[in-house]
C-alpha atoms as a PDB file:
ATOM      1  CA  MET A   1      76.057 -18.678  46.218  1.00  0.00           C
ATOM      2  CA  ILE A   2      79.538 -19.969  45.433  1.00  0.00           C
ATOM      3  CA  LYS A   3      80.064 -17.231  42.834  1.00  0.00           C
ATOM      4  CA  SER A   4      79.180 -14.516  45.351  1.00  0.00           C
ATOM      5  CA  VAL A   5      81.568 -16.029  47.902  1.00  0.00           C
ATOM      6  CA  LEU A   6      84.331 -16.226  45.290  1.00  0.00           C
ATOM      7  CA  SER A   7      83.699 -12.676  44.109  1.00  0.00           C
ATOM      8  CA  ALA A   8      83.792 -11.456  47.720  1.00  0.00           C
ATOM      9  CA  PHE A   9      87.020 -13.411  48.227  1.00  0.00           C
ATOM     10  CA  GLY A  10      88.400 -11.901  45.030  1.00  0.00           C
ATOM     11  CA  LEU A  11      87.641  -8.411  46.344  1.00  0.00           C
ATOM     12  CA  PHE A  12      89.264  -9.325  49.635  1.00  0.00           C
ATOM     13  CA  VAL A  13      92.360 -10.635  47.896  1.00  0.00           C
ATOM     14  CA  PHE A  14      92.544  -7.505  45.766  1.00  0.00           C
ATOM     15  CA  SER A  15      92.229  -5.240  48.789  1.00  0.00           C
ATOM     16  CA  ALA A  16      94.760  -7.356  50.701  1.00  0.00           C
ATOM     17  CA  LEU A  17      97.206  -7.010  47.793  1.00  0.00           C
ATOM     18  CA  ASP A  18      96.620  -3.261  47.787  1.00  0.00           C
ATOM     19  CA  PHE A  19      97.326  -3.194  51.515  1.00  0.00           C
ATOM     20  CA  LEU A  20     100.529  -5.184  51.046  1.00  0.00           C
ATOM     21  CA  LEU A  21     101.608  -2.757  48.315  1.00  0.00           C
ATOM     22  CA  PHE A  22     100.893   0.133  50.681  1.00  0.00           C
ATOM     23  CA  LEU A  23     102.986  -1.537  53.397  1.00  0.00           C
ATOM     24  CA  ALA A  24     105.829  -2.077  50.919  1.00  0.00           C
ATOM     25  CA  ILE A  25     105.762   1.601  49.957  1.00  0.00           C
ATOM     26  CA  LEU A  26     105.790   2.611  53.635  1.00  0.00           C
ATOM     27  CA  LEU A  27     108.712   0.272  54.271  1.00  0.00           C
ATOM     28  CA  PHE A  28     110.615   1.764  51.335  1.00  0.00           C
ATOM     29  CA  VAL A  29     109.972   5.333  52.512  1.00  0.00           C
ATOM     30  CA  GLY A  30     110.990   4.324  56.041  1.00  0.00           C
ATOM     31  CA  LEU A  31     114.204   2.805  54.680  1.00  0.00           C
ATOM     32  CA  LEU A  32     114.990   6.004  52.755  1.00  0.00           C
ATOM     33  CA  VAL A  33     114.375   8.107  55.873  1.00  0.00           C
ATOM     34  CA  PHE A  34     116.592   5.772  57.920  1.00  0.00           C
ATOM     35  CA  ILE A  35     119.411   5.997  55.378  1.00  0.00           C
ATOM     36  CA  PHE A  36     119.196   9.764  54.858  1.00  0.00           C
ATOM     37  CA  TRP A  37     118.276  10.660  58.466  1.00  0.00           C
ATOM     38  CA  PRO A  38     121.527  12.559  59.198  1.00  0.00           C
ATOM     39  CA  ILE A  39     120.767  14.814  56.232  1.00  0.00           C
ATOM     40  CA  LEU A  40     117.000  15.090  56.806  1.00  0.00           C
ATOM     41  CA  LYS A  41     116.767  15.553  60.565  1.00  0.00           C
ATOM     42  CA  TRP A  42     117.709  19.245  60.742  1.00  0.00           C
ATOM     43  CA  PRO A  43     115.425  20.459  57.931  1.00  0.00           C
ATOM     44  CA  LEU A  44     112.574  18.356  59.318  1.00  0.00           C
ATOM     45  CA  LEU A  45     113.162  19.724  62.801  1.00  0.00           C
ATOM     46  CA  ALA A  46     113.319  23.291  61.460  1.00  0.00           C
ATOM     47  CA  PHE A  47     110.100  22.742  59.505  1.00  0.00           C
ATOM     48  CA  LEU A  48     108.378  21.317  62.582  1.00  0.00           C
ATOM     49  CA  ILE A  49     109.456  24.253  64.767  1.00  0.00           C
ATOM     50  CA  GLY A  50     108.394  26.718  62.075  1.00  0.00           C
ATOM     51  CA  ALA A  51     105.004  25.044  61.660  1.00  0.00           C
ATOM     52  CA  ILE A  52     104.394  25.146  65.426  1.00  0.00           C
ATOM     53  CA  ALA A  53     105.447  28.808  65.608  1.00  0.00           C
ATOM     54  CA  PHE A  54     103.196  29.697  62.662  1.00  0.00           C
ATOM     55  CA  PHE A  55     100.270  27.859  64.260  1.00  0.00           C
ATOM     56  CA  CYS A  56     100.830  29.757  67.538  1.00  0.00           C
ATOM     57  CA  TYR A  57     100.965  33.037  65.588  1.00  0.00           C
ATOM     58  CA  LEU A  58      97.635  32.247  63.904  1.00  0.00           C
ATOM     59  CA  ILE A  59      96.035  31.471  67.266  1.00  0.00           C
ATOM     60  CA  TYR A  60      97.433  34.739  68.661  1.00  0.00           C
ATOM     61  CA  LYS A  61      96.000  36.706  65.731  1.00  0.00           C
ATOM     62  CA  ILE A  62      92.585  35.065  66.130  1.00  0.00           C
ATOM     63  CA  LYS A  63      92.474  35.764  69.878  1.00  0.00           C
ATOM     64  CA  GLU A  64      93.774  39.341  69.557  1.00  0.00           C
ATOM     65  CA  LYS A  65      91.232  41.908  70.716  1.00  0.00           C
ATOM     66  CA  PRO A  66      90.383  44.697  68.282  1.00  0.00           C
ATOM     67  CA  LYS A  67      91.575  48.182  69.156  1.00  0.00           C
ATOM     68  CA  PRO A  68      88.998  50.662  70.432  1.00  0.00           C
ATOM     69  CA  LEU A  69      87.845  53.200  67.867  1.00  0.00           C
ATOM     70  CA  GLU A  70      89.689  56.030  69.606  1.00  0.00           C
ATOM     71  CA  GLN A  71      93.070  54.308  69.257  1.00  0.00           C
ATOM     72  CA  ASP A  72      92.804  53.713  65.517  1.00  0.00           C
ATOM     73  CA  GLU A  73      93.825  56.980  63.830  1.00  0.00           C
ATOM     74  CA  ILE A  74      92.078  56.373  60.501  1.00  0.00           C
ATOM     75  CA  LEU A  75      88.780  55.248  62.030  1.00  0.00           C
ATOM     76  CA  SER A  76      88.963  57.963  64.685  1.00  0.00           C
ATOM     77  CA  SER A  77      89.282  60.712  62.076  1.00  0.00           C
ATOM     78  CA  TRP A  78      86.462  59.128  60.058  1.00  0.00           C
ATOM     79  CA  ALA A  79      84.229  59.006  63.161  1.00  0.00           C
ATOM     80  CA  GLU A  80      84.957  62.670  63.918  1.00  0.00           C
ATOM     81  CA  GLN A  81      83.968  63.622  60.355  1.00  0.00           C
ATOM     82  CA  GLU A  82      80.757  61.595  60.622  1.00  0.00           C
ATOM     83  CA  LEU A  83      79.847  63.229  63.935  1.00  0.00           C
ATOM     84  CA  GLN A  84      80.161  66.677  62.324  1.00  0.00           C
ATOM     85  CA  ARG A  85      77.515  65.909  59.684  1.00  0.00           C
ATOM     86  CA  PRO A  86      74.340  68.033  60.055  1.00  0.00           C
ATOM     87  CA  ILE A  87      72.002  65.030  60.243  1.00  0.00           C
ATOM     88  CA  ILE A  88      74.003  63.459  63.072  1.00  0.00           C
ATOM     89  CA  GLN A  89      74.218  66.825  64.863  1.00  0.00           C
ATOM     90  CA  ARG A  90      70.405  67.171  64.739  1.00  0.00           C
ATOM     91  CA  ILE A  91      69.963  63.655  66.165  1.00  0.00           C
ATOM     92  CA  LEU A  92      72.445  64.365  68.968  1.00  0.00           C
ATOM     93  CA  GLN A  93      70.722  67.674  69.738  1.00  0.00           C
ATOM     94  CA  LYS A  94      67.325  65.931  69.969  1.00  0.00           C
ATOM     95  CA  GLN A  95      68.787  63.366  72.337  1.00  0.00           C
ATOM     96  CA  GLU A  96      70.135  66.175  74.546  1.00  0.00           C
ATOM     97  CA  GLU A  97      66.720  67.871  74.583  1.00  0.00           C
ATOM     98  CA  ASN A  98      64.927  64.627  75.481  1.00  0.00           C
ATOM     99  CA  LYS A  99      66.477  64.129  78.875  1.00  0.00           C
ATOM    100  CA  PRO A 100      64.556  61.632  80.999  1.00  0.00           C
ATOM    101  CA  PHE A 101      61.617  62.962  82.997  1.00  0.00           C
ATOM    102  CA  ILE A 102      62.253  60.538  85.862  1.00  0.00           C
ATOM    103  CA  SER A 103      65.174  58.229  86.445  1.00  0.00           C
ATOM    104  CA  GLY A 104      65.885  56.156  89.492  1.00  0.00           C
ATOM    105  CA  THR A 105      66.384  52.758  91.044  1.00  0.00           C
ATOM    106  CA  ILE A 106      63.734  50.231  92.060  1.00  0.00           C
ATOM    107  CA  THR A 107      64.514  48.637  95.409  1.00  0.00           C
ATOM    108  CA  HIS A 108      62.686  46.237  97.696  1.00  0.00           C
ATOM    109  CA  ILE A 109      62.985  46.259 101.471  1.00  0.00           C
ATOM    110  CA  GLY A 110      62.165  42.902 103.021  1.00  0.00           C
ATOM    111  CA  ASN A 111      60.684  42.139 106.453  1.00  0.00           C
ATOM    112  CA  ASP A 112      64.163  41.789 107.884  1.00  0.00           C
ATOM    113  CA  GLY A 113      65.107  45.296 106.689  1.00  0.00           C
ATOM    114  CA  LYS A 114      67.406  44.032 103.952  1.00  0.00           C
ATOM    115  CA  GLU A 115      67.369  46.224 100.844  1.00  0.00           C
ATOM    116  CA  THR A 116      67.442  44.505  97.456  1.00  0.00           C
ATOM    117  CA  ARG A 117      68.043  46.426  94.238  1.00  0.00           C
ATOM    118  CA  LEU A 118      65.659  45.240  91.534  1.00  0.00           C
ATOM    119  CA  GLY A 119      66.656  47.492  88.647  1.00  0.00           C
ATOM    120  CA  ASN A 120      66.814  50.951  87.136  1.00  0.00           C
ATOM    121  CA  ILE A 121      63.898  52.903  85.700  1.00  0.00           C
ATOM    122  CA  THR A 122      63.878  55.792  83.236  1.00  0.00           C
ATOM    123  CA  ILE A 123      60.770  57.617  81.997  1.00  0.00           C
ATOM    124  CA  ASN A 124      61.004  59.788  78.891  1.00  0.00           C
ATOM    125  CA  LEU A 125      58.277  62.223  77.827  1.00  0.00           C
ATOM    126  CA  LYS A 126      58.029  62.704  74.076  1.00  0.00           C
ATOM    127  CA  GLY A 127      56.141  65.620  72.633  1.00  0.00           C
END
């Protein structure tokens, strides 16, 4: 029992000494900053402003909306070439031929005469 208490105390003393060493290092660094502050303040301020500006730029780039396909010249020309392919032309032609047989709106008229739109309906006939 006594050995475990002493070993725990030894670990505590070791960690306390480490903490005191850490505090001494912080004090030394603080002293250096205090002494050299007139030299360090402008580069530190410039670095801080630059870091904030860079962070804002990254946020702006993340939030930036992508351009529509029509506005991007490279992708627009690629899309035009793809639309001219025979397979795509056949699919587009089939879609034109398969116009809906019936299309309309589903509405409900209540007892008070109020009309409520429930949705759209489209019926396609495939042969």
